[in-house]
Structure formats: C-alpha cells, structure tokens
Amino acid sequence: MTKLSLIIPIGPNRKLYALDSIKKQNEKINTIIEEGSNPSENRNNGIKKSKTKLIGFINAHSILPEKWASEVIKFFGEHPNIDIVGGPQLTSKNDPIFERASGYALSSVFGAAEASTRYKIKELNLNANEKHLTSANLICKRKVAEKIKFDESLWPGEDPRFLSDAKNYGFKIAYSPDIVVYHKRRGTFNGLIKQIFNYGLTRPKKEGLKETIKKPIFLVPSLFLLYIIFLPILIMIHFMFVIPLILYWILNFSFSLYEGIKNKEIVSVFLLPILFFVIHISYGLGFLYGTLNNRFKL
C-alpha cells in the first residue's frame, strides 16, 4: 500500500529534474505533477488529488537520495506526535562553482541567519518552525493539508506562511537531518539577486511591520542598506561612522574564509564576500520596497 504522495509544482516549460531520483526510491510513491504559474495553487490542486496519509512537497529541481521516502516513513513511525517534518536542501558538489558557493553562503549564519538551517545538516529538532524548513523538502500528515492551505497570493514566501499557519493552529513541526534533498542554486548574480530580492519583497506581505519588529533579524539587511546609502553624509558628520562598514567587511571576509575551509573549497573564498554582500543588500532592498509598497501602494 502506498503511504506517501509527492506533489511537485512546476512552471510552464520548466525542466523536471526530480523525476529520475523519484523513480529510484526504495518505497513506492504516488507522484503528482502540477503545472502552472502559481506554485501555491499547484500544491493545493495536488493535495486535492492525493489519497495517501502522508503528503510530501518538493520542487522540480529537487534531487532525492534513494532512501528519502523510507526515511520519511521511518520518521513518522518513530515520532507519531509530529504532524509536519522536513529537512535541509543541500547543494550538490557536482554543481558549478558559482552554485556551490551560493549554497555555502546560504548555509552560513552570516548569510541567512537562523534560516541557514534550511541549507545544511543540523541536529534533530522536534520543535521546528518556518526558519528551518522550505517546501523544497516538506512532508505533512493528511490532517494538516485538510486544515492548512498554501496562500495563493504569496510567492515566494508561501511555505513560511504555510508553516507559521500550521504552527499557530497547533500542529507540531520537526526538522530531521536524515530527510535531505539536493537542490540547484541560481547560476548567475542576476538570478541570485532576483531570488533574494523576492524573499525580502514578500516578507512584509506575510507579516506586518509590527510582527516583524518582534523578529528584528529580518530588519538588519534593510538597516544595513540604509546605512550604506547615507554613509557619505554620515562621514561628513564624523569619520567614525565608517567603523561599522569596516567591521562588516572584517566579518564578511572571516566567514568567507571559514566557509571555504569548512567546505574544502578554497576557490569559493574569492566569491563568497561578494555573494554575502549581494544577499544582504538584495534582501534589504526587497524588504524596504515591499514595506513601502504595502504602506503607500507604489
């Protein structure tokens, strides 16, 4: 008997990288591929078609290890009180250097703060939340999908909303280091900038400014961007205002060196300082624009 359905939303004319790895699973999976321009709508439509007790979500470019499905079933057998589980989306060592370095940046605390858990293997967490998981590697019980839907007005940011709604409803969420997928990263600076900008852009749609202030880490990139913009004026007031920028680059180069050594890829050290800066500025700009757009309908 099939225990798990796997829903894959895919945009029009996009390549489905995940299919070969699904065929190699050592557990039978009911695969549901939903094509359309709205990922949330695709997932919701897939849920309606599913019949199994467990419903999983990945992206079209997620690659599953052979034991992915068996690890999912094993987890719910060992933790029957958990309603939703997910794991990290890792970067393949076979990907080009730019994509690998982007993965290292996203998996770094300096690059993505607590959300970096989404991109690296950490310890088991039976009280996880939206900062730890994404819909590139997410599985829930049917009762969750019957109560909580993906917000079709949000993209990206629909998976954090799904998880926060589920958490608020009372469902228990876990992060498992044993349930991993490999995920392709953006292959160019333009692609990365657009991705991170959109993350920042949709954050204010998901939560109002009052809620975001309670989680000040999301405000840091925007404050840093404003600091950079006004730095020429601040320096005219006093040269000491340049010190935060110096400290930033010391931290940036230090984390770049650390990530390069940790991942045994020294060549990435030359890319990481720029990637970290791009991530911080792009998110900050997206968040500022999203906040102003919500307030003044730009």
C-alpha atoms as a PDB file:
ATOM      1  CA  MET A   1       0.000   0.000   0.000  1.00  0.00           C
ATOM      2  CA  THR A   2       1.345   3.427  -0.963  1.00  0.00           C
ATOM      3  CA  LYS A   3       1.799   5.605   2.129  1.00  0.00           C
ATOM      4  CA  LEU A   4       3.204   8.759   0.558  1.00  0.00           C
ATOM      5  CA  SER A   5       2.117  11.138  -2.194  1.00  0.00           C
ATOM      6  CA  LEU A   6       4.688  13.569  -3.567  1.00  0.00           C
ATOM      7  CA  ILE A   7       3.446  16.828  -5.073  1.00  0.00           C
ATOM      8  CA  ILE A   8       5.732  18.694  -7.469  1.00  0.00           C
ATOM      9  CA  PRO A   9       4.672  22.151  -8.700  1.00  0.00           C
ATOM     10  CA  ILE A  10       6.327  23.111 -11.963  1.00  0.00           C
ATOM     11  CA  GLY A  11       6.153  26.260 -14.036  1.00  0.00           C
ATOM     12  CA  PRO A  12       5.235  26.192 -17.730  1.00  0.00           C
ATOM     13  CA  ASN A  13       8.064  24.911 -19.955  1.00  0.00           C
ATOM     14  CA  ARG A  14      10.313  24.177 -16.954  1.00  0.00           C
ATOM     15  CA  LYS A  15      12.526  21.099 -16.794  1.00  0.00           C
ATOM     16  CA  LEU A  16      11.594  18.438 -14.227  1.00  0.00           C
ATOM     17  CA  TYR A  17      14.931  17.419 -12.688  1.00  0.00           C
ATOM     18  CA  ALA A  18      13.391  15.441  -9.818  1.00  0.00           C
ATOM     19  CA  LEU A  19      11.754  12.611 -11.746  1.00  0.00           C
ATOM     20  CA  ASP A  20      14.723  10.241 -12.165  1.00  0.00           C
ATOM     21  CA  SER A  21      15.541  10.337  -8.447  1.00  0.00           C
ATOM     22  CA  ILE A  22      11.881   9.632  -7.587  1.00  0.00           C
ATOM     23  CA  LYS A  23      11.926   6.503  -9.746  1.00  0.00           C
ATOM     24  CA  LYS A  24      14.922   5.209  -7.758  1.00  0.00           C
ATOM     25  CA  GLN A  25      13.178   5.405  -4.367  1.00  0.00           C
ATOM     26  CA  ASN A  26      13.079   2.181  -2.345  1.00  0.00           C
ATOM     27  CA  GLU A  27       9.499   2.962  -1.258  1.00  0.00           C
ATOM     28  CA  LYS A  28       6.566   3.347  -3.611  1.00  0.00           C
ATOM     29  CA  ILE A  29       5.485   6.961  -4.086  1.00  0.00           C
ATOM     30  CA  ASN A  30       2.368   8.374  -5.701  1.00  0.00           C
ATOM     31  CA  THR A  31       3.825  11.248  -7.736  1.00  0.00           C
ATOM     32  CA  ILE A  32       1.554  14.184  -8.595  1.00  0.00           C
ATOM     33  CA  ILE A  33       2.967  16.772 -11.012  1.00  0.00           C
ATOM     34  CA  GLU A  34       1.019  20.030 -11.179  1.00  0.00           C
ATOM     35  CA  GLU A  35       1.945  22.506 -13.912  1.00  0.00           C
ATOM     36  CA  GLY A  36       1.048  26.176 -13.697  1.00  0.00           C
ATOM     37  CA  SER A  37       2.435  29.628 -12.982  1.00  0.00           C
ATOM     38  CA  ASN A  38       1.272  29.700  -9.330  1.00  0.00           C
ATOM     39  CA  PRO A  39       3.223  27.226  -7.113  1.00  0.00           C
ATOM     40  CA  SER A  40       0.766  27.553  -4.220  1.00  0.00           C
ATOM     41  CA  GLU A  41      -2.206  26.827  -6.453  1.00  0.00           C
ATOM     42  CA  ASN A  42      -0.315  23.872  -7.930  1.00  0.00           C
ATOM     43  CA  ARG A  43       0.313  22.421  -4.476  1.00  0.00           C
ATOM     44  CA  ASN A  44      -3.278  22.958  -3.360  1.00  0.00           C
ATOM     45  CA  ASN A  45      -4.532  21.242  -6.514  1.00  0.00           C
ATOM     46  CA  GLY A  46      -2.125  18.383  -5.896  1.00  0.00           C
ATOM     47  CA  ILE A  47      -3.419  17.966  -2.355  1.00  0.00           C
ATOM     48  CA  LYS A  48      -6.956  17.538  -3.712  1.00  0.00           C
ATOM     49  CA  LYS A  49      -5.748  14.699  -5.951  1.00  0.00           C
ATOM     50  CA  SER A  50      -3.749  12.895  -3.255  1.00  0.00           C
ATOM     51  CA  LYS A  51      -5.180   9.869  -1.430  1.00  0.00           C
ATOM     52  CA  THR A  52      -2.408   8.900   0.983  1.00  0.00           C
ATOM     53  CA  LYS A  53      -1.962   9.590   4.700  1.00  0.00           C
ATOM     54  CA  LEU A  54       1.338  11.395   4.086  1.00  0.00           C
ATOM     55  CA  ILE A  55       1.735  14.227   1.584  1.00  0.00           C
ATOM     56  CA  GLY A  56       5.170  15.452   0.543  1.00  0.00           C
ATOM     57  CA  PHE A  57       6.304  18.538  -1.353  1.00  0.00           C
ATOM     58  CA  ILE A  58       9.475  19.112  -3.339  1.00  0.00           C
ATOM     59  CA  ASN A  59      10.479  21.414  -6.184  1.00  0.00           C
ATOM     60  CA  ALA A  60      11.003  20.427  -9.801  1.00  0.00           C
ATOM     61  CA  HIS A  61      14.774  20.758  -9.314  1.00  0.00           C
ATOM     62  CA  SER A  62      14.994  18.821  -6.023  1.00  0.00           C
ATOM     63  CA  ILE A  63      17.031  15.608  -6.263  1.00  0.00           C
ATOM     64  CA  LEU A  64      16.137  12.866  -3.755  1.00  0.00           C
ATOM     65  CA  PRO A  65      18.594  10.351  -2.278  1.00  0.00           C
ATOM     66  CA  GLU A  66      17.387   6.761  -2.761  1.00  0.00           C
ATOM     67  CA  LYS A  67      16.344   6.398   0.883  1.00  0.00           C
ATOM     68  CA  TRP A  68      14.440   9.687   1.086  1.00  0.00           C
ATOM     69  CA  ALA A  69      10.964   8.097   1.132  1.00  0.00           C
ATOM     70  CA  SER A  70      11.968   5.364   3.572  1.00  0.00           C
ATOM     71  CA  GLU A  71      13.469   7.982   5.912  1.00  0.00           C
ATOM     72  CA  VAL A  72      10.183   9.913   5.795  1.00  0.00           C
ATOM     73  CA  ILE A  73       8.095   6.853   6.659  1.00  0.00           C
ATOM     74  CA  LYS A  74      10.597   5.814   9.325  1.00  0.00           C
ATOM     75  CA  PHE A  75      10.463   9.275  10.929  1.00  0.00           C
ATOM     76  CA  PHE A  76       6.681   9.346  11.282  1.00  0.00           C
ATOM     77  CA  GLY A  77       6.797   5.813  12.693  1.00  0.00           C
ATOM     78  CA  GLU A  78       9.284   6.894  15.360  1.00  0.00           C
ATOM     79  CA  HIS A  79       7.600  10.261  16.070  1.00  0.00           C
ATOM     80  CA  PRO A  80       3.820   9.748  15.753  1.00  0.00           C
ATOM     81  CA  ASN A  81       3.104  13.025  17.568  1.00  0.00           C
ATOM     82  CA  ILE A  82       4.780  15.101  14.829  1.00  0.00           C
ATOM     83  CA  ASP A  83       2.483  16.426  12.094  1.00  0.00           C
ATOM     84  CA  ILE A  84       4.984  18.034   9.701  1.00  0.00           C
ATOM     85  CA  VAL A  85       8.606  17.189   9.018  1.00  0.00           C
ATOM     86  CA  GLY A  86      11.206  18.458   6.620  1.00  0.00           C
ATOM     87  CA  GLY A  87      14.923  18.575   6.238  1.00  0.00           C
ATOM     88  CA  PRO A  88      17.707  20.505   4.580  1.00  0.00           C
ATOM     89  CA  GLN A  89      18.037  21.224   0.886  1.00  0.00           C
ATOM     90  CA  LEU A  90      21.744  20.717   0.254  1.00  0.00           C
ATOM     91  CA  THR A  91      23.955  21.863  -2.606  1.00  0.00           C
ATOM     92  CA  SER A  92      25.482  19.147  -4.770  1.00  0.00           C
ATOM     93  CA  LYS A  93      29.266  19.015  -5.079  1.00  0.00           C
ATOM     94  CA  ASN A  94      28.700  18.304  -8.781  1.00  0.00           C
ATOM     95  CA  ASP A  95      27.164  21.722  -9.445  1.00  0.00           C
ATOM     96  CA  PRO A  96      29.216  24.610 -10.943  1.00  0.00           C
ATOM     97  CA  ILE A  97      31.392  26.643  -8.572  1.00  0.00           C
ATOM     98  CA  PHE A  98      29.058  29.672  -8.542  1.00  0.00           C
ATOM     99  CA  GLU A  99      26.126  27.497  -7.466  1.00  0.00           C
ATOM    100  CA  ARG A 100      28.223  25.703  -4.858  1.00  0.00           C
ATOM    101  CA  ALA A 101      29.463  28.995  -3.414  1.00  0.00           C
ATOM    102  CA  SER A 102      25.898  30.353  -3.349  1.00  0.00           C
ATOM    103  CA  GLY A 103      24.909  27.271  -1.369  1.00  0.00           C
ATOM    104  CA  TYR A 104      27.745  27.857   1.100  1.00  0.00           C
ATOM    105  CA  ALA A 105      26.617  31.476   1.545  1.00  0.00           C
ATOM    106  CA  LEU A 106      23.004  30.483   2.188  1.00  0.00           C
ATOM    107  CA  SER A 107      24.070  27.771   4.642  1.00  0.00           C
ATOM    108  CA  SER A 108      26.137  30.266   6.642  1.00  0.00           C
ATOM    109  CA  VAL A 109      24.748  32.039   9.695  1.00  0.00           C
ATOM    110  CA  PHE A 110      26.323  35.204   8.300  1.00  0.00           C
ATOM    111  CA  GLY A 111      24.451  34.754   5.032  1.00  0.00           C
ATOM    112  CA  ALA A 112      20.998  33.659   6.159  1.00  0.00           C
ATOM    113  CA  ALA A 113      20.962  33.816   9.982  1.00  0.00           C
ATOM    114  CA  GLU A 114      18.696  31.147  11.504  1.00  0.00           C
ATOM    115  CA  ALA A 115      17.258  30.335   8.074  1.00  0.00           C
ATOM    116  CA  SER A 116      20.676  28.871   7.201  1.00  0.00           C
ATOM    117  CA  THR A 117      19.417  25.648   8.833  1.00  0.00           C
ATOM    118  CA  ARG A 118      17.369  25.103   5.663  1.00  0.00           C
ATOM    119  CA  TYR A 119      20.572  24.619   3.686  1.00  0.00           C
ATOM    120  CA  LYS A 120      22.752  22.442   5.935  1.00  0.00           C
ATOM    121  CA  ILE A 121      22.588  19.398   8.161  1.00  0.00           C
ATOM    122  CA  LYS A 122      21.915  20.213  11.813  1.00  0.00           C
ATOM    123  CA  GLU A 123      20.739  18.200  14.802  1.00  0.00           C
ATOM    124  CA  LEU A 124      17.205  16.800  15.083  1.00  0.00           C
ATOM    125  CA  ASN A 125      14.711  19.491  16.122  1.00  0.00           C
ATOM    126  CA  LEU A 126      11.243  18.392  17.223  1.00  0.00           C
ATOM    127  CA  ASN A 127      10.087  21.992  17.703  1.00  0.00           C
ATOM    128  CA  ALA A 128      10.984  23.493  14.337  1.00  0.00           C
ATOM    129  CA  ASN A 129       9.390  26.456  12.573  1.00  0.00           C
ATOM    130  CA  GLU A 130       9.361  28.362   9.289  1.00  0.00           C
ATOM    131  CA  LYS A 131      13.020  29.370   9.663  1.00  0.00           C
ATOM    132  CA  HIS A 132      14.170  25.758   9.468  1.00  0.00           C
ATOM    133  CA  LEU A 133      12.195  24.305   6.547  1.00  0.00           C
ATOM    134  CA  THR A 134      11.059  25.015   2.988  1.00  0.00           C
ATOM    135  CA  SER A 135       8.618  23.428   0.559  1.00  0.00           C
ATOM    136  CA  ALA A 136      11.581  22.042  -1.390  1.00  0.00           C
ATOM    137  CA  ASN A 137      11.654  19.248   1.206  1.00  0.00           C
ATOM    138  CA  LEU A 138       8.482  19.086   3.285  1.00  0.00           C
ATOM    139  CA  ILE A 139       6.091  16.317   4.335  1.00  0.00           C
ATOM    140  CA  CYS A 140       2.866  16.546   6.325  1.00  0.00           C
ATOM    141  CA  LYS A 141       0.065  14.319   7.517  1.00  0.00           C
ATOM    142  CA  ARG A 142      -3.197  14.500   5.593  1.00  0.00           C
ATOM    143  CA  LYS A 143      -4.975  16.170   8.521  1.00  0.00           C
ATOM    144  CA  VAL A 144      -2.610  19.150   8.166  1.00  0.00           C
ATOM    145  CA  ALA A 145      -3.346  19.584   4.455  1.00  0.00           C
ATOM    146  CA  GLU A 146      -7.076  19.393   5.179  1.00  0.00           C
ATOM    147  CA  LYS A 147      -6.839  22.356   7.571  1.00  0.00           C
ATOM    148  CA  ILE A 148      -3.977  24.476   6.195  1.00  0.00           C
ATOM    149  CA  LYS A 149      -3.613  25.606   2.581  1.00  0.00           C
ATOM    150  CA  PHE A 150      -0.800  27.315   0.710  1.00  0.00           C
ATOM    151  CA  ASP A 151      -1.542  31.029   0.292  1.00  0.00           C
ATOM    152  CA  GLU A 152      -2.091  31.514  -3.447  1.00  0.00           C
ATOM    153  CA  SER A 153      -1.493  35.273  -3.172  1.00  0.00           C
ATOM    154  CA  LEU A 154       2.106  34.744  -1.993  1.00  0.00           C
ATOM    155  CA  TRP A 155       5.199  33.778  -3.947  1.00  0.00           C
ATOM    156  CA  PRO A 156       7.823  33.350  -2.739  1.00  0.00           C
ATOM    157  CA  GLY A 157       7.036  33.143   0.963  1.00  0.00           C
ATOM    158  CA  GLU A 158       4.114  30.752   0.664  1.00  0.00           C
ATOM    159  CA  ASP A 159       5.933  27.972   2.508  1.00  0.00           C
ATOM    160  CA  PRO A 160       6.844  30.082   5.575  1.00  0.00           C
ATOM    161  CA  ARG A 161       3.198  31.184   5.699  1.00  0.00           C
ATOM    162  CA  PHE A 162       2.027  27.547   5.456  1.00  0.00           C
ATOM    163  CA  LEU A 163       4.351  26.545   8.300  1.00  0.00           C
ATOM    164  CA  SER A 164       3.516  29.505  10.536  1.00  0.00           C
ATOM    165  CA  ASP A 165      -0.219  28.940   9.970  1.00  0.00           C
ATOM    166  CA  ALA A 166       0.221  25.258  10.850  1.00  0.00           C
ATOM    167  CA  LYS A 167       2.217  26.170  13.954  1.00  0.00           C
ATOM    168  CA  ASN A 168      -0.417  28.672  15.064  1.00  0.00           C
ATOM    169  CA  TYR A 169      -3.122  26.042  14.530  1.00  0.00           C
ATOM    170  CA  GLY A 170      -1.299  23.745  16.944  1.00  0.00           C
ATOM    171  CA  PHE A 171       0.389  21.285  14.596  1.00  0.00           C
ATOM    172  CA  LYS A 172       3.831  20.027  15.627  1.00  0.00           C
ATOM    173  CA  ILE A 173       6.720  20.605  13.214  1.00  0.00           C
ATOM    174  CA  ALA A 174      10.110  18.883  13.125  1.00  0.00           C
ATOM    175  CA  TYR A 175      13.421  19.231  11.304  1.00  0.00           C
ATOM    176  CA  SER A 176      15.184  15.951  10.542  1.00  0.00           C
ATOM    177  CA  PRO A 177      18.811  15.794   9.350  1.00  0.00           C
ATOM    178  CA  ASP A 178      18.066  12.362   7.857  1.00  0.00           C
ATOM    179  CA  ILE A 179      15.498  13.673   5.359  1.00  0.00           C
ATOM    180  CA  VAL A 180      17.597  15.564   2.822  1.00  0.00           C
ATOM    181  CA  VAL A 181      17.299  16.634  -0.801  1.00  0.00           C
ATOM    182  CA  TYR A 182      19.828  18.199  -3.145  1.00  0.00           C
ATOM    183  CA  HIS A 183      18.740  21.443  -4.721  1.00  0.00           C
ATOM    184  CA  LYS A 184      20.084  23.518  -7.594  1.00  0.00           C
ATOM    185  CA  ARG A 185      21.074  27.122  -6.836  1.00  0.00           C
ATOM    186  CA  ARG A 186      20.859  30.178  -9.061  1.00  0.00           C
ATOM    187  CA  GLY A 187      23.677  30.090 -11.599  1.00  0.00           C
ATOM    188  CA  THR A 188      24.247  33.851 -12.022  1.00  0.00           C
ATOM    189  CA  PHE A 189      24.437  37.002  -9.933  1.00  0.00           C
ATOM    190  CA  ASN A 190      21.273  38.301 -11.611  1.00  0.00           C
ATOM    191  CA  GLY A 191      19.413  35.119 -10.722  1.00  0.00           C
ATOM    192  CA  LEU A 192      20.582  35.260  -7.107  1.00  0.00           C
ATOM    193  CA  ILE A 193      19.746  38.959  -6.763  1.00  0.00           C
ATOM    194  CA  LYS A 194      16.225  38.385  -8.083  1.00  0.00           C
ATOM    195  CA  GLN A 195      15.697  35.378  -5.783  1.00  0.00           C
ATOM    196  CA  ILE A 196      16.817  37.125  -2.596  1.00  0.00           C
ATOM    197  CA  PHE A 197      15.086  40.400  -3.520  1.00  0.00           C
ATOM    198  CA  ASN A 198      11.813  38.487  -3.870  1.00  0.00           C
ATOM    199  CA  TYR A 199      12.350  36.855  -0.461  1.00  0.00           C
ATOM    200  CA  GLY A 200      12.634  40.316   1.085  1.00  0.00           C
ATOM    201  CA  LEU A 201       9.775  41.684  -1.015  1.00  0.00           C
ATOM    202  CA  THR A 202       7.239  39.137   0.194  1.00  0.00           C
ATOM    203  CA  ARG A 203       8.203  39.223   3.871  1.00  0.00           C
ATOM    204  CA  PRO A 204       6.037  42.311   4.604  1.00  0.00           C
ATOM    205  CA  LYS A 205       3.119  40.615   2.796  1.00  0.00           C
ATOM    206  CA  LYS A 206       3.426  37.630   5.095  1.00  0.00           C
ATOM    207  CA  GLU A 207       3.710  39.674   8.299  1.00  0.00           C
ATOM    208  CA  GLY A 208       3.021  43.304   9.099  1.00  0.00           C
ATOM    209  CA  LEU A 209       5.757  45.621  10.332  1.00  0.00           C
ATOM    210  CA  LYS A 210       4.588  45.266  13.948  1.00  0.00           C
ATOM    211  CA  GLU A 211       5.058  41.492  13.773  1.00  0.00           C
ATOM    212  CA  THR A 212       8.397  41.815  12.009  1.00  0.00           C
ATOM    213  CA  ILE A 213       9.726  44.168  14.695  1.00  0.00           C
ATOM    214  CA  LYS A 214       9.302  41.270  17.131  1.00  0.00           C
ATOM    215  CA  LYS A 215      11.803  39.383  14.923  1.00  0.00           C
ATOM    216  CA  PRO A 216      14.388  42.157  14.371  1.00  0.00           C
ATOM    217  CA  ILE A 217      16.792  39.902  12.477  1.00  0.00           C
ATOM    218  CA  PHE A 218      14.637  40.470   9.366  1.00  0.00           C
ATOM    219  CA  LEU A 219      15.191  44.230   9.672  1.00  0.00           C
ATOM    220  CA  VAL A 220      19.003  44.067   9.770  1.00  0.00           C
ATOM    221  CA  PRO A 221      19.617  43.901   5.974  1.00  0.00           C
ATOM    222  CA  SER A 222      17.360  46.915   5.365  1.00  0.00           C
ATOM    223  CA  LEU A 223      19.038  48.905   8.128  1.00  0.00           C
ATOM    224  CA  PHE A 224      22.425  47.997   6.652  1.00  0.00           C
ATOM    225  CA  LEU A 225      21.285  49.142   3.201  1.00  0.00           C
ATOM    226  CA  LEU A 226      20.065  52.469   4.596  1.00  0.00           C
ATOM    227  CA  TYR A 227      23.390  52.860   6.393  1.00  0.00           C
ATOM    228  CA  ILE A 228      25.268  52.308   3.094  1.00  0.00           C
ATOM    229  CA  ILE A 229      23.050  54.833   1.284  1.00  0.00           C
ATOM    230  CA  PHE A 230      23.522  57.551   3.905  1.00  0.00           C
ATOM    231  CA  LEU A 231      27.171  56.771   4.683  1.00  0.00           C
ATOM    232  CA  PRO A 232      28.593  59.621   2.527  1.00  0.00           C
ATOM    233  CA  ILE A 233      26.549  62.104   4.572  1.00  0.00           C
ATOM    234  CA  LEU A 234      27.353  60.385   7.868  1.00  0.00           C
ATOM    235  CA  ILE A 235      31.092  60.502   7.131  1.00  0.00           C
ATOM    236  CA  MET A 236      30.841  64.259   6.667  1.00  0.00           C
ATOM    237  CA  ILE A 237      29.358  64.450  10.165  1.00  0.00           C
ATOM    238  CA  HIS A 238      32.055  62.251  11.684  1.00  0.00           C
ATOM    239  CA  PHE A 239      34.588  59.836  10.227  1.00  0.00           C
ATOM    240  CA  MET A 240      33.791  57.301  12.967  1.00  0.00           C
ATOM    241  CA  PHE A 241      30.611  56.372  11.093  1.00  0.00           C
ATOM    242  CA  VAL A 242      32.771  54.326   8.707  1.00  0.00           C
ATOM    243  CA  ILE A 243      33.675  51.877  11.502  1.00  0.00           C
ATOM    244  CA  PRO A 244      30.518  49.693  11.129  1.00  0.00           C
ATOM    245  CA  LEU A 245      31.371  49.192   7.432  1.00  0.00           C
ATOM    246  CA  ILE A 246      34.928  48.173   8.317  1.00  0.00           C
ATOM    247  CA  LEU A 247      33.599  45.727  10.910  1.00  0.00           C
ATOM    248  CA  TYR A 248      31.138  44.349   8.341  1.00  0.00           C
ATOM    249  CA  TRP A 249      33.898  43.547   5.866  1.00  0.00           C
ATOM    250  CA  ILE A 250      36.070  42.006   8.583  1.00  0.00           C
ATOM    251  CA  LEU A 251      33.164  39.697   9.450  1.00  0.00           C
ATOM    252  CA  ASN A 252      32.434  39.087   5.780  1.00  0.00           C
ATOM    253  CA  PHE A 253      35.999  38.030   4.932  1.00  0.00           C
ATOM    254  CA  SER A 254      36.254  35.964   8.123  1.00  0.00           C
ATOM    255  CA  PHE A 255      33.082  33.996   7.367  1.00  0.00           C
ATOM    256  CA  SER A 256      34.128  33.637   3.726  1.00  0.00           C
ATOM    257  CA  LEU A 257      37.432  32.093   4.758  1.00  0.00           C
ATOM    258  CA  TYR A 258      35.707  29.866   7.314  1.00  0.00           C
ATOM    259  CA  GLU A 259      33.127  28.587   4.817  1.00  0.00           C
ATOM    260  CA  GLY A 260      35.792  27.974   2.189  1.00  0.00           C
ATOM    261  CA  ILE A 261      37.884  25.907   4.600  1.00  0.00           C
ATOM    262  CA  LYS A 262      34.886  24.079   6.099  1.00  0.00           C
ATOM    263  CA  ASN A 263      33.619  23.063   2.677  1.00  0.00           C
ATOM    264  CA  LYS A 264      37.151  22.259   1.444  1.00  0.00           C
ATOM    265  CA  GLU A 265      36.761  24.678  -1.443  1.00  0.00           C
ATOM    266  CA  ILE A 266      39.279  27.495  -1.089  1.00  0.00           C
ATOM    267  CA  VAL A 267      38.420  28.917  -4.509  1.00  0.00           C
ATOM    268  CA  SER A 268      34.975  29.813  -3.124  1.00  0.00           C
ATOM    269  CA  VAL A 269      36.656  32.286  -0.752  1.00  0.00           C
ATOM    270  CA  PHE A 270      37.046  34.664  -3.704  1.00  0.00           C
ATOM    271  CA  LEU A 271      33.309  34.533  -4.493  1.00  0.00           C
ATOM    272  CA  LEU A 272      31.803  34.426  -1.019  1.00  0.00           C
ATOM    273  CA  PRO A 273      32.499  38.047   0.065  1.00  0.00           C
ATOM    274  CA  ILE A 274      30.570  39.307  -2.971  1.00  0.00           C
ATOM    275  CA  LEU A 275      27.819  36.709  -2.528  1.00  0.00           C
ATOM    276  CA  PHE A 276      27.314  37.612   1.135  1.00  0.00           C
ATOM    277  CA  PHE A 277      27.106  41.314   0.231  1.00  0.00           C
ATOM    278  CA  VAL A 278      24.668  40.621  -2.628  1.00  0.00           C
ATOM    279  CA  ILE A 279      22.422  38.542  -0.339  1.00  0.00           C
ATOM    280  CA  HIS A 280      22.336  41.213   2.367  1.00  0.00           C
ATOM    281  CA  ILE A 281      21.705  44.149   0.024  1.00  0.00           C
ATOM    282  CA  SER A 282      19.172  42.306  -2.163  1.00  0.00           C
ATOM    283  CA  TYR A 283      17.098  41.170   0.808  1.00  0.00           C
ATOM    284  CA  GLY A 284      17.268  44.618   2.397  1.00  0.00           C
ATOM    285  CA  LEU A 285      16.171  46.327  -0.820  1.00  0.00           C
ATOM    286  CA  GLY A 286      13.333  43.854  -1.346  1.00  0.00           C
ATOM    287  CA  PHE A 287      12.114  44.257   2.230  1.00  0.00           C
ATOM    288  CA  LEU A 288      12.204  48.063   2.033  1.00  0.00           C
ATOM    289  CA  TYR A 289      10.356  48.114  -1.276  1.00  0.00           C
ATOM    290  CA  GLY A 290       7.798  45.593  -0.024  1.00  0.00           C
ATOM    291  CA  THR A 291       7.195  47.597   3.156  1.00  0.00           C
ATOM    292  CA  LEU A 292       6.794  50.893   1.285  1.00  0.00           C
ATOM    293  CA  ASN A 293       4.618  49.256  -1.357  1.00  0.00           C
ATOM    294  CA  ASN A 294       2.293  47.844   1.306  1.00  0.00           C
ATOM    295  CA  ARG A 295       2.115  51.222   3.023  1.00  0.00           C
ATOM    296  CA  PHE A 296       1.837  53.574   0.046  1.00  0.00           C
ATOM    297  CA  LYS A 297       0.800  51.183  -2.786  1.00  0.00           C
ATOM    298  CA  LEU A 298       3.741  52.185  -5.008  1.00  0.00           C
END
